[in-house]
Amino acid sequence: MKRPSGITFLAVLYMLGALLVLGLQVFTWQRTLQAVAELGSVVVYAYLSAAIFAILQLVASIGMWQGKRWGWWLGALVLFLVVARAINALVAIPVLLQQVGPPETGLALEVIKYAGRAILYGFLIRYFFTDGVEAYFDVAAIPGRKRFAYLVGVTAVVMLLMSIVVWIFGINPL
């Protein structure tokens, strides 16, 4: 079956985004080490979480390009994680306002940015559940609601694990 053009576009975006993040990390390694000395574990956490997310995107892009079933799952998981992170940022805005005050860019812009991400990536999630995409990846054997529930569950576990790491290591993201 021919790859849907939206999947081609997303696979390329995933690949380019992942390579950009990983490339920047390689080129900024020395500055990152200096920042760790100054700011501590929050830099390590940000660096590692960005690297892990980029690797997930890279692997997903390969599976999506090839039409592999696991490519659908990883590609969709990337979208679910982006939505979860955007929602998490929206929920954190009141706490951040109390702790550090309003952002320099303005509160409205921050709300629009994260709400926009959640909505945009929500539409992309919907695209992953369309007939043509499901047929390309041959994932329709598992009903859509069940796949959606699995992805919500995995996303919740990932977000919980990230929170536990932050708590265990006493990372203050502010």
N, C-alpha and C. Protein backbone atom coordinates (compact mmCIF):
# COMPACT_ATOMS: atom_id res chain seq x y z
N MET A 1 0.84 -1.19 0.00
CA MET A 1 0.00 0.00 0.00
C MET A 1 0.88 1.25 0.00
N LYS A 2 0.42 2.26 -0.69
CA LYS A 2 1.15 3.53 -0.78
C LYS A 2 1.07 4.29 0.55
N ARG A 3 2.22 4.86 0.94
CA ARG A 3 2.28 5.61 2.19
C ARG A 3 1.44 6.88 2.06
N PRO A 4 0.56 7.15 3.04
CA PRO A 4 -0.21 8.40 3.01
C PRO A 4 0.74 9.60 3.06
N SER A 5 0.41 10.64 2.32
CA SER A 5 1.29 11.81 2.24
C SER A 5 1.47 12.47 3.61
N GLY A 6 0.44 12.45 4.46
CA GLY A 6 0.57 13.01 5.80
C GLY A 6 1.60 12.25 6.64
N ILE A 7 1.66 10.94 6.45
CA ILE A 7 2.64 10.12 7.18
C ILE A 7 4.04 10.41 6.65
N THR A 8 4.17 10.58 5.34
CA THR A 8 5.47 10.95 4.77
C THR A 8 5.94 12.26 5.38
N PHE A 9 5.06 13.25 5.41
CA PHE A 9 5.38 14.56 5.96
C PHE A 9 5.78 14.45 7.43
N LEU A 10 4.99 13.72 8.22
CA LEU A 10 5.29 13.58 9.65
C LEU A 10 6.59 12.81 9.88
N ALA A 11 6.83 11.76 9.09
CA ALA A 11 8.06 10.98 9.25
C ALA A 11 9.29 11.87 8.99
N VAL A 12 9.20 12.69 7.96
CA VAL A 12 10.31 13.60 7.65
C VAL A 12 10.47 14.63 8.77
N LEU A 13 9.36 15.19 9.26
CA LEU A 13 9.45 16.15 10.36
C LEU A 13 10.04 15.52 11.62
N TYR A 14 9.58 14.32 11.94
CA TYR A 14 10.13 13.61 13.11
C TYR A 14 11.64 13.43 12.94
N MET A 15 12.05 12.99 11.75
CA MET A 15 13.47 12.73 11.48
C MET A 15 14.29 14.02 11.60
N LEU A 16 13.84 15.06 10.93
CA LEU A 16 14.57 16.34 10.97
C LEU A 16 14.63 16.91 12.38
N GLY A 17 13.51 16.86 13.09
CA GLY A 17 13.48 17.38 14.46
C GLY A 17 14.42 16.60 15.37
N ALA A 18 14.42 15.29 15.24
CA ALA A 18 15.29 14.45 16.08
C ALA A 18 16.76 14.72 15.77
N LEU A 19 17.09 14.78 14.49
CA LEU A 19 18.49 15.02 14.12
C LEU A 19 18.94 16.41 14.55
N LEU A 20 18.06 17.39 14.47
CA LEU A 20 18.40 18.74 14.90
C LEU A 20 18.70 18.76 16.41
N VAL A 21 17.82 18.16 17.20
CA VAL A 21 18.02 18.15 18.65
C VAL A 21 19.31 17.41 19.01
N LEU A 22 19.50 16.22 18.44
CA LEU A 22 20.69 15.44 18.76
C LEU A 22 21.96 16.16 18.27
N GLY A 23 21.89 16.77 17.10
CA GLY A 23 23.04 17.52 16.59
C GLY A 23 23.38 18.71 17.47
N LEU A 24 22.36 19.44 17.89
CA LEU A 24 22.60 20.58 18.79
C LEU A 24 23.20 20.12 20.10
N GLN A 25 22.76 18.97 20.58
CA GLN A 25 23.32 18.47 21.83
C GLN A 25 24.80 18.13 21.69
N VAL A 26 25.17 17.59 20.56
CA VAL A 26 26.58 17.27 20.33
C VAL A 26 27.41 18.56 20.28
N PHE A 27 26.90 19.56 19.56
CA PHE A 27 27.65 20.81 19.40
C PHE A 27 27.64 21.69 20.65
N THR A 28 26.70 21.49 21.54
CA THR A 28 26.64 22.32 22.75
C THR A 28 27.07 21.55 24.00
N TRP A 29 27.73 20.43 23.81
CA TRP A 29 28.12 19.58 24.93
C TRP A 29 28.96 20.33 25.96
N GLN A 30 29.94 21.10 25.52
CA GLN A 30 30.81 21.83 26.46
C GLN A 30 30.01 22.85 27.26
N ARG A 31 29.13 23.58 26.60
CA ARG A 31 28.30 24.56 27.31
C ARG A 31 27.35 23.86 28.29
N THR A 32 26.90 22.67 27.90
CA THR A 32 26.01 21.92 28.80
C THR A 32 26.75 21.53 30.07
N LEU A 33 27.99 21.09 29.93
CA LEU A 33 28.78 20.74 31.11
C LEU A 33 28.98 21.95 32.02
N GLN A 34 29.21 23.12 31.45
CA GLN A 34 29.35 24.34 32.25
C GLN A 34 28.04 24.67 32.95
N ALA A 35 26.93 24.49 32.25
CA ALA A 35 25.62 24.78 32.85
C ALA A 35 25.32 23.82 33.99
N VAL A 36 25.75 22.56 33.85
CA VAL A 36 25.55 21.60 34.94
C VAL A 36 26.29 22.07 36.18
N ALA A 37 27.50 22.57 36.00
CA ALA A 37 28.28 23.06 37.14
C ALA A 37 27.57 24.24 37.82
N GLU A 38 26.90 25.07 37.01
CA GLU A 38 26.23 26.25 37.57
C GLU A 38 24.82 25.94 38.09
N LEU A 39 24.05 25.17 37.31
CA LEU A 39 22.63 24.98 37.63
C LEU A 39 22.29 23.60 38.19
N GLY A 40 23.18 22.64 38.05
CA GLY A 40 22.96 21.33 38.65
C GLY A 40 22.11 20.39 37.83
N SER A 41 21.37 19.56 38.54
CA SER A 41 20.68 18.42 37.95
C SER A 41 19.57 18.79 36.97
N VAL A 42 19.03 19.98 37.07
CA VAL A 42 17.96 20.35 36.14
C VAL A 42 18.46 20.34 34.70
N VAL A 43 19.72 20.71 34.50
CA VAL A 43 20.29 20.71 33.15
C VAL A 43 20.46 19.28 32.65
N VAL A 44 20.93 18.39 33.50
CA VAL A 44 21.08 16.99 33.13
C VAL A 44 19.72 16.40 32.76
N TYR A 45 18.72 16.68 33.57
CA TYR A 45 17.36 16.18 33.31
C TYR A 45 16.85 16.69 31.96
N ALA A 46 16.99 17.97 31.71
CA ALA A 46 16.53 18.55 30.45
C ALA A 46 17.29 17.95 29.28
N TYR A 47 18.59 17.81 29.42
CA TYR A 47 19.43 17.28 28.35
C TYR A 47 19.05 15.83 28.04
N LEU A 48 18.94 15.01 29.07
CA LEU A 48 18.62 13.60 28.86
C LEU A 48 17.19 13.40 28.35
N SER A 49 16.24 14.15 28.89
CA SER A 49 14.86 13.98 28.42
C SER A 49 14.72 14.42 26.97
N ALA A 50 15.44 15.48 26.57
CA ALA A 50 15.41 15.90 25.16
C ALA A 50 16.05 14.84 24.27
N ALA A 51 17.15 14.25 24.73
CA ALA A 51 17.82 13.21 23.94
C ALA A 51 16.93 11.97 23.80
N ILE A 52 16.31 11.55 24.88
CA ILE A 52 15.44 10.38 24.83
C ILE A 52 14.26 10.63 23.90
N PHE A 53 13.65 11.81 24.00
CA PHE A 53 12.52 12.15 23.14
C PHE A 53 12.96 12.20 21.68
N ALA A 54 14.14 12.75 21.41
CA ALA A 54 14.64 12.81 20.04
C ALA A 54 14.90 11.42 19.47
N ILE A 55 15.46 10.54 20.28
CA ILE A 55 15.70 9.16 19.84
C ILE A 55 14.37 8.46 19.56
N LEU A 56 13.38 8.68 20.42
CA LEU A 56 12.04 8.12 20.19
C LEU A 56 11.48 8.61 18.86
N GLN A 57 11.62 9.90 18.59
CA GLN A 57 11.16 10.47 17.32
C GLN A 57 11.91 9.86 16.14
N LEU A 58 13.20 9.70 16.28
CA LEU A 58 14.03 9.16 15.20
C LEU A 58 13.59 7.73 14.86
N VAL A 59 13.44 6.91 15.87
CA VAL A 59 13.02 5.53 15.65
C VAL A 59 11.60 5.50 15.08
N ALA A 60 10.72 6.35 15.60
CA ALA A 60 9.34 6.41 15.09
C ALA A 60 9.33 6.80 13.62
N SER A 61 10.19 7.75 13.24
CA SER A 61 10.20 8.20 11.84
C SER A 61 10.59 7.06 10.91
N ILE A 62 11.52 6.24 11.33
CA ILE A 62 11.94 5.09 10.50
C ILE A 62 10.78 4.10 10.36
N GLY A 63 10.13 3.79 11.47
CA GLY A 63 9.00 2.86 11.42
C GLY A 63 7.82 3.41 10.63
N MET A 64 7.59 4.72 10.74
CA MET A 64 6.50 5.34 9.99
C MET A 64 6.81 5.32 8.50
N TRP A 65 8.04 5.62 8.14
CA TRP A 65 8.44 5.63 6.74
C TRP A 65 8.25 4.24 6.12
N GLN A 66 8.60 3.21 6.88
CA GLN A 66 8.53 1.85 6.37
C GLN A 66 7.14 1.22 6.51
N GLY A 67 6.23 1.91 7.19
CA GLY A 67 4.89 1.36 7.36
C GLY A 67 4.80 0.22 8.36
N LYS A 68 5.72 0.20 9.27
CA LYS A 68 5.74 -0.86 10.30
C LYS A 68 4.67 -0.58 11.36
N ARG A 69 4.09 -1.63 11.87
CA ARG A 69 3.07 -1.48 12.91
C ARG A 69 3.64 -0.75 14.12
N TRP A 70 4.86 -1.09 14.52
CA TRP A 70 5.47 -0.42 15.66
C TRP A 70 5.73 1.05 15.36
N GLY A 71 5.89 1.38 14.08
CA GLY A 71 6.06 2.78 13.68
C GLY A 71 4.80 3.59 13.97
N TRP A 72 3.63 2.96 13.77
CA TRP A 72 2.38 3.64 14.10
C TRP A 72 2.33 3.89 15.60
N TRP A 73 2.66 2.87 16.39
CA TRP A 73 2.58 2.99 17.85
C TRP A 73 3.54 4.07 18.36
N LEU A 74 4.79 4.05 17.90
CA LEU A 74 5.75 5.06 18.37
C LEU A 74 5.40 6.45 17.85
N GLY A 75 4.97 6.51 16.60
CA GLY A 75 4.59 7.81 16.03
C GLY A 75 3.42 8.42 16.78
N ALA A 76 2.44 7.59 17.11
CA ALA A 76 1.29 8.08 17.87
C ALA A 76 1.70 8.44 19.30
N LEU A 77 2.58 7.63 19.89
CA LEU A 77 3.03 7.93 21.26
C LEU A 77 3.73 9.28 21.33
N VAL A 78 4.53 9.60 20.33
CA VAL A 78 5.19 10.91 20.29
C VAL A 78 4.12 12.01 20.36
N LEU A 79 3.07 11.87 19.58
CA LEU A 79 2.00 12.88 19.58
C LEU A 79 1.31 12.95 20.93
N PHE A 80 1.01 11.81 21.52
CA PHE A 80 0.37 11.79 22.84
C PHE A 80 1.26 12.46 23.88
N LEU A 81 2.56 12.22 23.82
CA LEU A 81 3.48 12.84 24.79
C LEU A 81 3.54 14.35 24.61
N VAL A 82 3.51 14.81 23.37
CA VAL A 82 3.54 16.26 23.14
C VAL A 82 2.27 16.90 23.70
N VAL A 83 1.13 16.26 23.49
CA VAL A 83 -0.13 16.79 24.03
C VAL A 83 -0.08 16.79 25.56
N ALA A 84 0.42 15.70 26.14
CA ALA A 84 0.50 15.62 27.61
C ALA A 84 1.43 16.70 28.17
N ARG A 85 2.55 16.94 27.50
CA ARG A 85 3.47 17.98 27.96
C ARG A 85 2.85 19.36 27.84
N ALA A 86 2.08 19.59 26.77
CA ALA A 86 1.42 20.89 26.60
C ALA A 86 0.37 21.10 27.68
N ILE A 87 -0.40 20.06 27.96
CA ILE A 87 -1.42 20.15 29.01
C ILE A 87 -0.74 20.36 30.37
N ASN A 88 0.35 19.65 30.60
CA ASN A 88 1.11 19.82 31.84
C ASN A 88 1.60 21.26 31.99
N ALA A 89 2.07 21.85 30.90
CA ALA A 89 2.53 23.24 30.94
C ALA A 89 1.37 24.19 31.26
N LEU A 90 0.21 23.93 30.66
CA LEU A 90 -0.96 24.77 30.94
C LEU A 90 -1.37 24.68 32.41
N VAL A 91 -1.33 23.47 32.95
CA VAL A 91 -1.70 23.27 34.35
C VAL A 91 -0.68 23.94 35.28
N ALA A 92 0.58 23.98 34.85
CA ALA A 92 1.64 24.53 35.69
C ALA A 92 1.69 26.06 35.67
N ILE A 93 1.01 26.69 34.75
CA ILE A 93 1.09 28.15 34.63
C ILE A 93 0.72 28.86 35.93
N PRO A 94 -0.37 28.51 36.62
CA PRO A 94 -0.66 29.21 37.87
C PRO A 94 0.44 29.08 38.93
N VAL A 95 1.05 27.90 39.01
CA VAL A 95 2.14 27.69 39.97
C VAL A 95 3.34 28.55 39.59
N LEU A 96 3.65 28.57 38.31
CA LEU A 96 4.78 29.38 37.84
C LEU A 96 4.54 30.87 38.08
N LEU A 97 3.31 31.30 37.89
CA LEU A 97 2.99 32.71 38.15
C LEU A 97 3.27 33.07 39.60
N GLN A 98 2.91 32.18 40.51
CA GLN A 98 3.14 32.43 41.93
C GLN A 98 4.63 32.42 42.27
N GLN A 99 5.38 31.51 41.66
CA GLN A 99 6.79 31.34 42.02
C GLN A 99 7.72 32.32 41.35
N VAL A 100 7.49 32.62 40.07
CA VAL A 100 8.44 33.46 39.34
C VAL A 100 7.80 34.67 38.67
N GLY A 101 6.49 34.81 38.77
CA GLY A 101 5.81 35.94 38.14
C GLY A 101 5.47 35.65 36.70
N PRO A 102 4.86 36.61 36.05
CA PRO A 102 4.43 36.40 34.66
C PRO A 102 5.63 36.31 33.72
N PRO A 103 5.50 35.52 32.66
CA PRO A 103 6.61 35.40 31.70
C PRO A 103 6.84 36.71 30.96
N GLU A 104 8.05 36.90 30.49
CA GLU A 104 8.40 38.12 29.76
C GLU A 104 7.57 38.28 28.50
N THR A 105 7.22 37.15 27.88
CA THR A 105 6.46 37.20 26.63
C THR A 105 4.98 37.48 26.86
N GLY A 106 4.56 37.44 28.10
CA GLY A 106 3.15 37.66 28.42
C GLY A 106 2.42 36.36 28.66
N LEU A 107 1.53 36.39 29.61
CA LEU A 107 0.79 35.20 29.99
C LEU A 107 -0.09 34.69 28.85
N ALA A 108 -0.76 35.59 28.16
CA ALA A 108 -1.67 35.18 27.09
C ALA A 108 -0.92 34.41 26.00
N LEU A 109 0.28 34.86 25.65
CA LEU A 109 1.05 34.18 24.61
C LEU A 109 1.42 32.76 25.05
N GLU A 110 1.78 32.60 26.30
CA GLU A 110 2.13 31.27 26.81
C GLU A 110 0.91 30.33 26.77
N VAL A 111 -0.24 30.84 27.19
CA VAL A 111 -1.46 30.03 27.16
C VAL A 111 -1.81 29.65 25.72
N ILE A 112 -1.73 30.62 24.82
CA ILE A 112 -2.04 30.35 23.41
C ILE A 112 -1.05 29.33 22.83
N LYS A 113 0.23 29.47 23.18
CA LYS A 113 1.25 28.56 22.66
C LYS A 113 0.98 27.12 23.07
N TYR A 114 0.75 26.89 24.36
CA TYR A 114 0.57 25.52 24.82
C TYR A 114 -0.81 24.97 24.46
N ALA A 115 -1.83 25.79 24.51
CA ALA A 115 -3.16 25.34 24.08
C ALA A 115 -3.15 25.03 22.59
N GLY A 116 -2.46 25.87 21.82
CA GLY A 116 -2.34 25.63 20.38
C GLY A 116 -1.64 24.32 20.08
N ARG A 117 -0.57 24.03 20.81
CA ARG A 117 0.13 22.75 20.63
C ARG A 117 -0.79 21.58 20.94
N ALA A 118 -1.49 21.67 22.05
CA ALA A 118 -2.38 20.57 22.43
C ALA A 118 -3.44 20.34 21.35
N ILE A 119 -4.01 21.41 20.83
CA ILE A 119 -5.05 21.29 19.80
C ILE A 119 -4.46 20.75 18.50
N LEU A 120 -3.36 21.33 18.04
CA LEU A 120 -2.74 20.89 16.79
C LEU A 120 -2.36 19.42 16.85
N TYR A 121 -1.68 19.03 17.89
CA TYR A 121 -1.25 17.64 18.00
C TYR A 121 -2.44 16.71 18.27
N GLY A 122 -3.49 17.24 18.87
CA GLY A 122 -4.72 16.46 18.99
C GLY A 122 -5.30 16.12 17.62
N PHE A 123 -5.26 17.09 16.70
CA PHE A 123 -5.70 16.82 15.33
C PHE A 123 -4.80 15.78 14.65
N LEU A 124 -3.51 15.85 14.91
CA LEU A 124 -2.60 14.86 14.34
C LEU A 124 -2.87 13.46 14.90
N ILE A 125 -3.20 13.41 16.18
CA ILE A 125 -3.60 12.13 16.77
C ILE A 125 -4.83 11.60 16.05
N ARG A 126 -5.78 12.46 15.82
CA ARG A 126 -7.00 12.06 15.09
C ARG A 126 -6.64 11.51 13.71
N TYR A 127 -5.67 12.16 13.05
CA TYR A 127 -5.22 11.70 11.74
C TYR A 127 -4.67 10.27 11.81
N PHE A 128 -3.95 9.95 12.87
CA PHE A 128 -3.39 8.61 13.04
C PHE A 128 -4.48 7.54 13.13
N PHE A 129 -5.69 7.95 13.46
CA PHE A 129 -6.81 7.00 13.61
C PHE A 129 -7.73 7.00 12.39
N THR A 130 -7.30 7.60 11.28
CA THR A 130 -8.12 7.58 10.06
C THR A 130 -7.91 6.26 9.33
N ASP A 131 -8.88 5.91 8.50
CA ASP A 131 -8.87 4.61 7.82
C ASP A 131 -7.61 4.38 6.99
N GLY A 132 -7.21 5.39 6.20
CA GLY A 132 -6.04 5.22 5.33
C GLY A 132 -4.76 4.99 6.11
N VAL A 133 -4.59 5.71 7.20
CA VAL A 133 -3.39 5.55 8.03
C VAL A 133 -3.43 4.19 8.72
N GLU A 134 -4.57 3.83 9.26
CA GLU A 134 -4.69 2.53 9.92
C GLU A 134 -4.42 1.39 8.94
N ALA A 135 -4.90 1.52 7.71
CA ALA A 135 -4.67 0.48 6.71
C ALA A 135 -3.18 0.40 6.33
N TYR A 136 -2.53 1.55 6.17
CA TYR A 136 -1.11 1.57 5.82
C TYR A 136 -0.26 0.85 6.86
N PHE A 137 -0.59 1.07 8.12
CA PHE A 137 0.17 0.44 9.20
C PHE A 137 -0.40 -0.91 9.63
N ASP A 138 -1.55 -1.28 9.09
CA ASP A 138 -2.21 -2.55 9.42
C ASP A 138 -2.43 -2.69 10.94
N VAL A 139 -3.02 -1.66 11.52
CA VAL A 139 -3.26 -1.68 12.96
C VAL A 139 -4.74 -1.83 13.32
N ALA A 140 -5.60 -1.95 12.33
CA ALA A 140 -7.04 -1.96 12.59
C ALA A 140 -7.52 -3.22 13.31
N ALA A 141 -6.66 -4.24 13.44
CA ALA A 141 -7.07 -5.45 14.16
C ALA A 141 -7.38 -5.15 15.62
N ILE A 142 -6.70 -4.16 16.18
CA ILE A 142 -7.00 -3.69 17.54
C ILE A 142 -7.92 -2.49 17.38
N PRO A 143 -9.11 -2.55 17.97
CA PRO A 143 -10.05 -1.42 17.81
C PRO A 143 -9.42 -0.08 18.22
N GLY A 144 -9.84 0.97 17.53
CA GLY A 144 -9.29 2.30 17.77
C GLY A 144 -9.39 2.75 19.22
N ARG A 145 -10.53 2.48 19.86
CA ARG A 145 -10.68 2.90 21.26
C ARG A 145 -9.68 2.21 22.17
N LYS A 146 -9.41 0.95 21.86
CA LYS A 146 -8.46 0.19 22.67
C LYS A 146 -7.04 0.74 22.46
N ARG A 147 -6.68 1.01 21.20
CA ARG A 147 -5.37 1.60 20.91
C ARG A 147 -5.23 2.95 21.59
N PHE A 148 -6.29 3.75 21.52
CA PHE A 148 -6.29 5.07 22.17
C PHE A 148 -6.06 4.91 23.68
N ALA A 149 -6.78 3.97 24.29
CA ALA A 149 -6.64 3.74 25.73
C ALA A 149 -5.23 3.28 26.08
N TYR A 150 -4.65 2.40 25.26
CA TYR A 150 -3.27 1.96 25.50
C TYR A 150 -2.31 3.14 25.46
N LEU A 151 -2.48 4.00 24.46
CA LEU A 151 -1.59 5.15 24.32
C LEU A 151 -1.76 6.14 25.47
N VAL A 152 -2.99 6.34 25.91
CA VAL A 152 -3.21 7.21 27.08
C VAL A 152 -2.53 6.60 28.30
N GLY A 153 -2.65 5.30 28.47
CA GLY A 153 -2.02 4.62 29.60
C GLY A 153 -0.51 4.72 29.58
N VAL A 154 0.10 4.47 28.43
CA VAL A 154 1.56 4.56 28.32
C VAL A 154 2.02 5.99 28.56
N THR A 155 1.28 6.95 28.01
CA THR A 155 1.61 8.36 28.21
C THR A 155 1.55 8.72 29.69
N ALA A 156 0.52 8.25 30.37
CA ALA A 156 0.39 8.53 31.80
C ALA A 156 1.56 7.92 32.58
N VAL A 157 1.95 6.71 32.22
CA VAL A 157 3.08 6.06 32.90
C VAL A 157 4.37 6.84 32.66
N VAL A 158 4.61 7.26 31.41
CA VAL A 158 5.81 8.03 31.10
C VAL A 158 5.83 9.34 31.89
N MET A 159 4.70 10.04 31.91
CA MET A 159 4.64 11.31 32.65
C MET A 159 4.85 11.07 34.15
N LEU A 160 4.29 9.99 34.67
CA LEU A 160 4.47 9.64 36.08
C LEU A 160 5.95 9.34 36.36
N LEU A 161 6.58 8.56 35.50
CA LEU A 161 8.00 8.25 35.69
C LEU A 161 8.86 9.51 35.65
N MET A 162 8.52 10.41 34.75
CA MET A 162 9.26 11.68 34.70
C MET A 162 9.08 12.45 36.00
N SER A 163 7.89 12.46 36.54
CA SER A 163 7.63 13.15 37.81
C SER A 163 8.39 12.50 38.96
N ILE A 164 8.45 11.18 38.94
CA ILE A 164 9.18 10.46 39.99
C ILE A 164 10.67 10.79 39.92
N VAL A 165 11.22 10.83 38.73
CA VAL A 165 12.64 11.18 38.58
C VAL A 165 12.89 12.58 39.11
N VAL A 166 12.01 13.50 38.77
CA VAL A 166 12.14 14.88 39.27
C VAL A 166 12.10 14.89 40.79
N TRP A 167 11.18 14.15 41.37
CA TRP A 167 11.03 14.12 42.82
C TRP A 167 12.22 13.45 43.49
N ILE A 168 12.65 12.29 42.97
CA ILE A 168 13.75 11.55 43.58
C ILE A 168 15.03 12.38 43.60
N PHE A 169 15.32 13.02 42.49
CA PHE A 169 16.57 13.76 42.39
C PHE A 169 16.43 15.21 42.83
N GLY A 170 15.24 15.57 43.30
CA GLY A 170 15.03 16.92 43.82
C GLY A 170 15.26 17.99 42.78
N ILE A 171 14.87 17.70 41.55
CA ILE A 171 15.09 18.65 40.48
C ILE A 171 14.02 19.72 40.54
N ASN A 172 14.46 20.94 40.60
CA ASN A 172 13.55 22.07 40.58
C ASN A 172 13.63 22.71 39.19
N PRO A 173 12.60 22.51 38.36
CA PRO A 173 12.68 23.02 36.99
C PRO A 173 12.63 24.53 36.89
N LEU A 174 12.48 25.23 38.00
CA LEU A 174 12.45 26.69 37.98
C LEU A 174 13.83 27.18 38.21
